[in-house]
């Protein structure tokens, strides 16, 4: 039988049911931030500042420092590839 999930329990809904693991939250949010920044043609300087701040916050949430390098690389690659597609 299924478990009851309250409608406003966003942590359980997003982390457990949608993404599956808390480390996937960091990757999903960085890809979302990168794609929205590319869609709205944000300047490189502002994007890198937002990317650095979000990567630091999400790495502190996950607890492993190696993820910051991976998150920044994934964010920059996503931003530059999508910004070429949206032009």
PDB file of N, CA and C in Angstrom:
ATOM      1  N   UNK A   1       0.835  -1.170   0.000  1.00  0.00           N
ATOM      2  CA  UNK A   1       0.000   0.000   0.000  1.00  0.00           C
ATOM      3  C   UNK A   1       0.891   1.248   0.000  1.00  0.00           C
ATOM      4  N   UNK A   2       0.407   2.329  -0.550  1.00  0.00           N
ATOM      5  CA  UNK A   2       1.186   3.553  -0.635  1.00  0.00           C
ATOM      6  C   UNK A   2       1.188   4.345   0.656  1.00  0.00           C
ATOM      7  N   UNK A   3       2.155   5.221   0.761  1.00  0.00           N
ATOM      8  CA  UNK A   3       2.257   6.104   1.915  1.00  0.00           C
ATOM      9  C   UNK A   3       1.460   7.375   1.652  1.00  0.00           C
ATOM     10  N   UNK A   4       0.937   7.947   2.739  1.00  0.00           N
ATOM     11  CA  UNK A   4       0.226   9.216   2.620  1.00  0.00           C
ATOM     12  C   UNK A   4       1.248  10.338   2.531  1.00  0.00           C
ATOM     13  N   UNK A   5       1.047  11.218   1.573  1.00  0.00           N
ATOM     14  CA  UNK A   5       1.906  12.383   1.404  1.00  0.00           C
ATOM     15  C   UNK A   5       1.024  13.614   1.514  1.00  0.00           C
ATOM     16  N   UNK A   6       1.357  14.482   2.438  1.00  0.00           N
ATOM     17  CA  UNK A   6       0.571  15.702   2.566  1.00  0.00           C
ATOM     18  C   UNK A   6       0.838  16.607   1.357  1.00  0.00           C
ATOM     19  N   UNK A   7      -0.136  17.382   0.938  1.00  0.00           N
ATOM     20  CA  UNK A   7       0.005  18.175  -0.283  1.00  0.00           C
ATOM     21  C   UNK A   7       1.083  19.246  -0.219  1.00  0.00           C
ATOM     22  N   UNK A   8       1.413  19.731   0.958  1.00  0.00           N
ATOM     23  CA  UNK A   8       2.403  20.800   1.068  1.00  0.00           C
ATOM     24  C   UNK A   8       3.768  20.310   1.555  1.00  0.00           C
ATOM     25  N   UNK A   9       4.015  19.025   1.511  1.00  0.00           N
ATOM     26  CA  UNK A   9       5.309  18.474   1.906  1.00  0.00           C
ATOM     27  C   UNK A   9       6.221  18.448   0.675  1.00  0.00           C
ATOM     28  N   UNK A  10       6.731  19.649   0.328  1.00  0.00           N
ATOM     29  CA  UNK A  10       7.500  19.793  -0.893  1.00  0.00           C
ATOM     30  C   UNK A  10       8.823  19.039  -0.842  1.00  0.00           C
ATOM     31  N   UNK A  11       9.413  18.926   0.334  1.00  0.00           N
ATOM     32  CA  UNK A  11      10.682  18.212   0.442  1.00  0.00           C
ATOM     33  C   UNK A  11      10.506  16.747   0.055  1.00  0.00           C
ATOM     34  N   UNK A  12       9.477  16.120   0.542  1.00  0.00           N
ATOM     35  CA  UNK A  12       9.246  14.719   0.207  1.00  0.00           C
ATOM     36  C   UNK A  12       8.835  14.563  -1.246  1.00  0.00           C
ATOM     37  N   UNK A  13       8.007  15.471  -1.739  1.00  0.00           N
ATOM     38  CA  UNK A  13       7.534  15.370  -3.118  1.00  0.00           C
ATOM     39  C   UNK A  13       8.690  15.550  -4.103  1.00  0.00           C
ATOM     40  N   UNK A  14       9.470  16.604  -3.924  1.00  0.00           N
ATOM     41  CA  UNK A  14      10.531  16.902  -4.896  1.00  0.00           C
ATOM     42  C   UNK A  14      11.716  15.975  -4.731  1.00  0.00           C
ATOM     43  N   UNK A  15      12.196  15.818  -3.507  1.00  0.00           N
ATOM     44  CA  UNK A  15      13.412  15.023  -3.316  1.00  0.00           C
ATOM     45  C   UNK A  15      13.172  13.532  -3.438  1.00  0.00           C
ATOM     46  N   UNK A  16      12.176  13.018  -2.781  1.00  0.00           N
ATOM     47  CA  UNK A  16      12.001  11.570  -2.749  1.00  0.00           C
ATOM     48  C   UNK A  16      11.275  11.027  -3.977  1.00  0.00           C
ATOM     49  N   UNK A  17      10.215  11.676  -4.375  1.00  0.00           N
ATOM     50  CA  UNK A  17       9.405  11.125  -5.453  1.00  0.00           C
ATOM     51  C   UNK A  17       9.865  11.560  -6.843  1.00  0.00           C
ATOM     52  N   UNK A  18      10.245  12.821  -6.992  1.00  0.00           N
ATOM     53  CA  UNK A  18      10.585  13.327  -8.321  1.00  0.00           C
ATOM     54  C   UNK A  18      12.043  13.059  -8.691  1.00  0.00           C
ATOM     55  N   UNK A  19      12.973  13.414  -7.793  1.00  0.00           N
ATOM     56  CA  UNK A  19      14.390  13.288  -8.120  1.00  0.00           C
ATOM     57  C   UNK A  19      15.007  11.981  -7.636  1.00  0.00           C
ATOM     58  N   UNK A  20      14.597  11.491  -6.502  1.00  0.00           N
ATOM     59  CA  UNK A  20      15.100  10.214  -6.030  1.00  0.00           C
ATOM     60  C   UNK A  20      16.220  10.303  -5.016  1.00  0.00           C
ATOM     61  N   UNK A  21      17.085  11.283  -5.098  1.00  0.00           N
ATOM     62  CA  UNK A  21      18.223  11.403  -4.182  1.00  0.00           C
ATOM     63  C   UNK A  21      18.535  12.889  -4.003  1.00  0.00           C
ATOM     64  N   UNK A  22      18.960  13.296  -2.802  1.00  0.00           N
ATOM     65  CA  UNK A  22      19.227  14.726  -2.591  1.00  0.00           C
ATOM     66  C   UNK A  22      20.335  15.300  -3.480  1.00  0.00           C
ATOM     67  N   UNK A  23      21.285  14.502  -3.912  1.00  0.00           N
ATOM     68  CA  UNK A  23      22.339  15.038  -4.771  1.00  0.00           C
ATOM     69  C   UNK A  23      21.813  15.387  -6.162  1.00  0.00           C
ATOM     70  N   UNK A  24      20.725  14.776  -6.563  1.00  0.00           N
ATOM     71  CA  UNK A  24      20.134  15.101  -7.856  1.00  0.00           C
ATOM     72  C   UNK A  24      19.461  16.473  -7.848  1.00  0.00           C
ATOM     73  N   UNK A  25      19.124  16.971  -6.661  1.00  0.00           N
ATOM     74  CA  UNK A  25      18.561  18.318  -6.550  1.00  0.00           C
ATOM     75  C   UNK A  25      19.561  19.354  -7.041  1.00  0.00           C
ATOM     76  N   UNK A  26      20.815  19.177  -6.706  1.00  0.00           N
ATOM     77  CA  UNK A  26      21.839  20.124  -7.136  1.00  0.00           C
ATOM     78  C   UNK A  26      21.980  20.135  -8.648  1.00  0.00           C
ATOM     79  N   UNK A  27      22.047  18.967  -9.249  1.00  0.00           N
ATOM     80  CA  UNK A  27      22.190  18.896 -10.701  1.00  0.00           C
ATOM     81  C   UNK A  27      20.965  19.449 -11.415  1.00  0.00           C
ATOM     82  N   UNK A  28      19.790  19.124 -10.932  1.00  0.00           N
ATOM     83  CA  UNK A  28      18.571  19.610 -11.574  1.00  0.00           C
ATOM     84  C   UNK A  28      18.442  21.126 -11.459  1.00  0.00           C
ATOM     85  N   UNK A  29      18.787  21.682 -10.319  1.00  0.00           N
ATOM     86  CA  UNK A  29      18.657  23.130 -10.155  1.00  0.00           C
ATOM     87  C   UNK A  29      19.709  23.884 -10.951  1.00  0.00           C
ATOM     88  N   UNK A  30      20.927  23.357 -11.053  1.00  0.00           N
ATOM     89  CA  UNK A  30      21.958  24.028 -11.850  1.00  0.00           C
ATOM     90  C   UNK A  30      21.597  23.982 -13.335  1.00  0.00           C
ATOM     91  N   UNK A  31      21.071  22.871 -13.798  1.00  0.00           N
ATOM     92  CA  UNK A  31      20.652  22.801 -15.200  1.00  0.00           C
ATOM     93  C   UNK A  31      19.477  23.743 -15.452  1.00  0.00           C
ATOM     94  N   UNK A  32      18.555  23.852 -14.502  1.00  0.00           N
ATOM     95  CA  UNK A  32      17.437  24.786 -14.641  1.00  0.00           C
ATOM     96  C   UNK A  32      17.926  26.232 -14.672  1.00  0.00           C
ATOM     97  N   UNK A  33      18.835  26.584 -13.773  1.00  0.00           N
ATOM     98  CA  UNK A  33      19.369  27.949 -13.740  1.00  0.00           C
ATOM     99  C   UNK A  33      20.129  28.261 -15.023  1.00  0.00           C
ATOM    100  N   UNK A  34      20.919  27.310 -15.492  1.00  0.00           N
ATOM    101  CA  UNK A  34      21.693  27.527 -16.718  1.00  0.00           C
ATOM    102  C   UNK A  34      20.802  27.682 -17.935  1.00  0.00           C
ATOM    103  N   UNK A  35      19.783  26.862 -18.021  1.00  0.00           N
ATOM    104  CA  UNK A  35      18.905  26.955 -19.191  1.00  0.00           C
ATOM    105  C   UNK A  35      18.074  28.236 -19.176  1.00  0.00           C
ATOM    106  N   UNK A  36      17.618  28.658 -18.010  1.00  0.00           N
ATOM    107  CA  UNK A  36      16.875  29.927 -17.951  1.00  0.00           C
ATOM    108  C   UNK A  36      17.777  31.124 -18.236  1.00  0.00           C
ATOM    109  N   UNK A  37      19.013  31.073 -17.767  1.00  0.00           N
ATOM    110  CA  UNK A  37      19.952  32.160 -18.054  1.00  0.00           C
ATOM    111  C   UNK A  37      20.267  32.233 -19.539  1.00  0.00           C
ATOM    112  N   UNK A  38      20.402  31.080 -20.173  1.00  0.00           N
ATOM    113  CA  UNK A  38      20.659  31.082 -21.616  1.00  0.00           C
ATOM    114  C   UNK A  38      19.432  31.539 -22.393  1.00  0.00           C
ATOM    115  N   UNK A  39      18.262  31.140 -21.944  1.00  0.00           N
ATOM    116  CA  UNK A  39      17.027  31.519 -22.634  1.00  0.00           C
ATOM    117  C   UNK A  39      16.823  33.033 -22.619  1.00  0.00           C
ATOM    118  N   UNK A  40      17.108  33.664 -21.485  1.00  0.00           N
ATOM    119  CA  UNK A  40      16.913  35.104 -21.370  1.00  0.00           C
ATOM    120  C   UNK A  40      18.177  35.896 -21.671  1.00  0.00           C
ATOM    121  N   UNK A  41      19.199  35.243 -22.237  1.00  0.00           N
ATOM    122  CA  UNK A  41      20.442  35.865 -22.702  1.00  0.00           C
ATOM    123  C   UNK A  41      21.100  36.723 -21.634  1.00  0.00           C
ATOM    124  N   UNK A  42      21.315  36.126 -20.486  1.00  0.00           N
ATOM    125  CA  UNK A  42      21.988  36.799 -19.383  1.00  0.00           C
ATOM    126  C   UNK A  42      23.473  36.961 -19.716  1.00  0.00           C
ATOM    127  N   UNK A  43      24.088  38.024 -19.229  1.00  0.00           N
ATOM    128  CA  UNK A  43      25.508  38.224 -19.507  1.00  0.00           C
ATOM    129  C   UNK A  43      26.343  37.173 -18.774  1.00  0.00           C
ATOM    130  N   UNK A  44      27.533  36.928 -19.290  1.00  0.00           N
ATOM    131  CA  UNK A  44      28.396  35.882 -18.732  1.00  0.00           C
ATOM    132  C   UNK A  44      28.808  36.180 -17.296  1.00  0.00           C
ATOM    133  N   UNK A  45      29.070  37.421 -17.011  1.00  0.00           N
ATOM    134  CA  UNK A  45      29.524  37.804 -15.666  1.00  0.00           C
ATOM    135  C   UNK A  45      28.436  37.546 -14.622  1.00  0.00           C
ATOM    136  N   UNK A  46      27.217  37.949 -14.917  1.00  0.00           N
ATOM    137  CA  UNK A  46      26.114  37.722 -13.984  1.00  0.00           C
ATOM    138  C   UNK A  46      25.803  36.243 -13.831  1.00  0.00           C
ATOM    139  N   UNK A  47      25.859  35.515 -14.936  1.00  0.00           N
ATOM    140  CA  UNK A  47      25.590  34.088 -14.869  1.00  0.00           C
ATOM    141  C   UNK A  47      26.625  33.360 -14.014  1.00  0.00           C
ATOM    142  N   UNK A  48      27.893  33.674 -14.195  1.00  0.00           N
ATOM    143  CA  UNK A  48      28.932  33.005 -13.411  1.00  0.00           C
ATOM    144  C   UNK A  48      28.822  33.345 -11.931  1.00  0.00           C
ATOM    145  N   UNK A  49      28.400  34.549 -11.613  1.00  0.00           N
ATOM    146  CA  UNK A  49      28.199  34.921 -10.211  1.00  0.00           C
ATOM    147  C   UNK A  49      27.050  34.123  -9.602  1.00  0.00           C
ATOM    148  N   UNK A  50      25.933  34.040 -10.306  1.00  0.00           N
ATOM    149  CA  UNK A  50      24.790  33.260  -9.819  1.00  0.00           C
ATOM    150  C   UNK A  50      25.149  31.780  -9.728  1.00  0.00           C
ATOM    151  N   UNK A  51      25.883  31.276 -10.704  1.00  0.00           N
ATOM    152  CA  UNK A  51      26.289  29.877 -10.710  1.00  0.00           C
ATOM    153  C   UNK A  51      27.199  29.550  -9.527  1.00  0.00           C
ATOM    154  N   UNK A  52      28.137  30.441  -9.230  1.00  0.00           N
ATOM    155  CA  UNK A  52      29.043  30.206  -8.101  1.00  0.00           C
ATOM    156  C   UNK A  52      28.288  30.208  -6.772  1.00  0.00           C
ATOM    157  N   UNK A  53      27.384  31.147  -6.599  1.00  0.00           N
ATOM    158  CA  UNK A  53      26.620  31.223  -5.348  1.00  0.00           C
ATOM    159  C   UNK A  53      25.721  29.998  -5.187  1.00  0.00           C
ATOM    160  N   UNK A  54      25.024  29.629  -6.243  1.00  0.00           N
ATOM    161  CA  UNK A  54      24.135  28.460  -6.157  1.00  0.00           C
ATOM    162  C   UNK A  54      24.921  27.172  -5.963  1.00  0.00           C
ATOM    163  N   UNK A  55      26.066  27.043  -6.607  1.00  0.00           N
ATOM    164  CA  UNK A  55      26.885  25.841  -6.438  1.00  0.00           C
ATOM    165  C   UNK A  55      27.397  25.718  -5.018  1.00  0.00           C
ATOM    166  N   UNK A  56      27.810  26.827  -4.434  1.00  0.00           N
ATOM    167  CA  UNK A  56      28.275  26.787  -3.039  1.00  0.00           C
ATOM    168  C   UNK A  56      27.158  26.413  -2.080  1.00  0.00           C
ATOM    169  N   UNK A  57      25.980  26.986  -2.296  1.00  0.00           N
ATOM    170  CA  UNK A  57      24.851  26.661  -1.413  1.00  0.00           C
ATOM    171  C   UNK A  57      24.441  25.202  -1.540  1.00  0.00           C
ATOM    172  N   UNK A  58      24.369  24.700  -2.749  1.00  0.00           N
ATOM    173  CA  UNK A  58      23.946  23.320  -2.945  1.00  0.00           C
ATOM    174  C   UNK A  58      25.013  22.330  -2.501  1.00  0.00           C
ATOM    175  N   UNK A  59      26.286  22.677  -2.632  1.00  0.00           N
ATOM    176  CA  UNK A  59      27.344  21.809  -2.138  1.00  0.00           C
ATOM    177  C   UNK A  59      27.322  21.749  -0.624  1.00  0.00           C
ATOM    178  N   UNK A  60      27.024  22.855   0.021  1.00  0.00           N
ATOM    179  CA  UNK A  60      26.903  22.836   1.482  1.00  0.00           C
ATOM    180  C   UNK A  60      25.699  22.005   1.910  1.00  0.00           C
ATOM    181  N   UNK A  61      24.653  21.990   1.100  1.00  0.00           N
ATOM    182  CA  UNK A  61      23.482  21.183   1.409  1.00  0.00           C
ATOM    183  C   UNK A  61      23.785  19.692   1.265  1.00  0.00           C
ATOM    184  N   UNK A  62      24.512  19.335   0.225  1.00  0.00           N
ATOM    185  CA  UNK A  62      24.836  17.929  -0.014  1.00  0.00           C
ATOM    186  C   UNK A  62      25.906  17.454   0.956  1.00  0.00           C
ATOM    187  N   UNK A  63      26.928  18.260   1.182  1.00  0.00           N
ATOM    188  CA  UNK A  63      27.953  17.920   2.148  1.00  0.00           C
ATOM    189  C   UNK A  63      29.243  17.387   1.560  1.00  0.00           C
ATOM    190  N   UNK A  64      29.360  17.296   0.251  1.00  0.00           N
ATOM    191  CA  UNK A  64      30.583  16.818  -0.378  1.00  0.00           C
ATOM    192  C   UNK A  64      31.125  17.916  -1.280  1.00  0.00           C
ATOM    193  N   UNK A  65      32.376  18.279  -1.059  1.00  0.00           N
ATOM    194  CA  UNK A  65      32.957  19.428  -1.752  1.00  0.00           C
ATOM    195  C   UNK A  65      33.339  19.138  -3.197  1.00  0.00           C
ATOM    196  N   UNK A  66      33.476  17.886  -3.580  1.00  0.00           N
ATOM    197  CA  UNK A  66      33.849  17.569  -4.957  1.00  0.00           C
ATOM    198  C   UNK A  66      32.736  17.931  -5.930  1.00  0.00           C
ATOM    199  N   UNK A  67      31.517  18.007  -5.433  1.00  0.00           N
ATOM    200  CA  UNK A  67      30.390  18.329  -6.304  1.00  0.00           C
ATOM    201  C   UNK A  67      30.453  19.748  -6.851  1.00  0.00           C
ATOM    202  N   UNK A  68      31.174  20.653  -6.188  1.00  0.00           N
ATOM    203  CA  UNK A  68      31.200  22.039  -6.662  1.00  0.00           C
ATOM    204  C   UNK A  68      31.882  22.138  -8.018  1.00  0.00           C
ATOM    205  N   UNK A  69      32.924  21.351  -8.232  1.00  0.00           N
ATOM    206  CA  UNK A  69      33.612  21.381  -9.524  1.00  0.00           C
ATOM    207  C   UNK A  69      32.703  20.815 -10.608  1.00  0.00           C
ATOM    208  N   UNK A  70      32.055  19.726 -10.301  1.00  0.00           N
ATOM    209  CA  UNK A  70      31.172  19.097 -11.279  1.00  0.00           C
ATOM    210  C   UNK A  70      29.993  20.006 -11.598  1.00  0.00           C
ATOM    211  N   UNK A  71      29.436  20.652 -10.570  1.00  0.00           N
ATOM    212  CA  UNK A  71      28.289  21.534 -10.796  1.00  0.00           C
ATOM    213  C   UNK A  71      28.658  22.741 -11.652  1.00  0.00           C
ATOM    214  N   UNK A  72      29.823  23.319 -11.412  1.00  0.00           N
ATOM    215  CA  UNK A  72      30.234  24.493 -12.193  1.00  0.00           C
ATOM    216  C   UNK A  72      30.491  24.104 -13.640  1.00  0.00           C
ATOM    217  N   UNK A  73      31.148  22.974 -13.866  1.00  0.00           N
ATOM    218  CA  UNK A  73      31.417  22.537 -15.235  1.00  0.00           C
ATOM    219  C   UNK A  73      30.112  22.235 -15.975  1.00  0.00           C
ATOM    220  N   UNK A  74      29.207  21.525 -15.329  1.00  0.00           N
ATOM    221  CA  UNK A  74      27.926  21.214 -15.969  1.00  0.00           C
ATOM    222  C   UNK A  74      27.134  22.491 -16.252  1.00  0.00           C
ATOM    223  N   UNK A  75      27.147  23.428 -15.319  1.00  0.00           N
ATOM    224  CA  UNK A  75      26.429  24.680 -15.518  1.00  0.00           C
ATOM    225  C   UNK A  75      26.971  25.506 -16.663  1.00  0.00           C
ATOM    226  N   UNK A  76      28.287  25.610 -16.761  1.00  0.00           N
ATOM    227  CA  UNK A  76      28.894  26.416 -17.829  1.00  0.00           C
ATOM    228  C   UNK A  76      28.664  25.763 -19.192  1.00  0.00           C
ATOM    229  N   UNK A  77      28.833  24.458 -19.264  1.00  0.00           N
ATOM    230  CA  UNK A  77      28.614  23.767 -20.540  1.00  0.00           C
ATOM    231  C   UNK A  77      27.159  23.899 -20.982  1.00  0.00           C
ATOM    232  N   UNK A  78      26.243  23.746 -20.056  1.00  0.00           N
ATOM    233  CA  UNK A  78      24.824  23.884 -20.397  1.00  0.00           C
ATOM    234  C   UNK A  78      24.505  25.304 -20.845  1.00  0.00           C
ATOM    235  N   UNK A  79      25.045  26.277 -20.144  1.00  0.00           N
ATOM    236  CA  UNK A  79      24.774  27.681 -20.485  1.00  0.00           C
ATOM    237  C   UNK A  79      25.284  28.014 -21.876  1.00  0.00           C
ATOM    238  N   UNK A  80      26.531  27.670 -22.169  1.00  0.00           N
ATOM    239  CA  UNK A  80      27.089  28.026 -23.462  1.00  0.00           C
ATOM    240  C   UNK A  80      26.466  27.244 -24.605  1.00  0.00           C
ATOM    241  N   UNK A  81      26.140  25.993 -24.387  1.00  0.00           N
ATOM    242  CA  UNK A  81      25.512  25.233 -25.476  1.00  0.00           C
ATOM    243  C   UNK A  81      24.079  25.712 -25.740  1.00  0.00           C
ATOM    244  N   UNK A  82      23.326  26.001 -24.692  1.00  0.00           N
ATOM    245  CA  UNK A  82      21.953  26.470 -24.898  1.00  0.00           C
ATOM    246  C   UNK A  82      21.911  27.913 -25.397  1.00  0.00           C
ATOM    247  N   UNK A  83      22.882  28.728 -25.005  1.00  0.00           N
ATOM    248  CA  UNK A  83      22.869  30.101 -25.483  1.00  0.00           C
ATOM    249  C   UNK A  83      23.148  30.158 -26.986  1.00  0.00           C
ATOM    250  N   UNK A  84      23.902  29.188 -27.500  1.00  0.00           N
ATOM    251  CA  UNK A  84      24.130  29.123 -28.958  1.00  0.00           C
ATOM    252  C   UNK A  84      22.858  28.655 -29.675  1.00  0.00           C
ATOM    253  N   UNK A  85      22.078  27.830 -29.020  1.00  0.00           N
ATOM    254  CA  UNK A  85      20.853  27.327 -29.652  1.00  0.00           C
ATOM    255  C   UNK A  85      19.750  28.389 -29.672  1.00  0.00           C
ATOM    256  N   UNK A  86      19.681  29.234 -28.660  1.00  0.00           N
ATOM    257  CA  UNK A  86      18.600  30.208 -28.546  1.00  0.00           C
ATOM    258  C   UNK A  86      18.869  31.491 -29.324  1.00  0.00           C
ATOM    259  N   UNK A  87      20.044  31.650 -29.891  1.00  0.00           N
ATOM    260  CA  UNK A  87      20.366  32.888 -30.606  1.00  0.00           C
ATOM    261  C   UNK A  87      19.744  32.908 -31.969  1.00  0.00           C
TER     262      UNK A  87
END
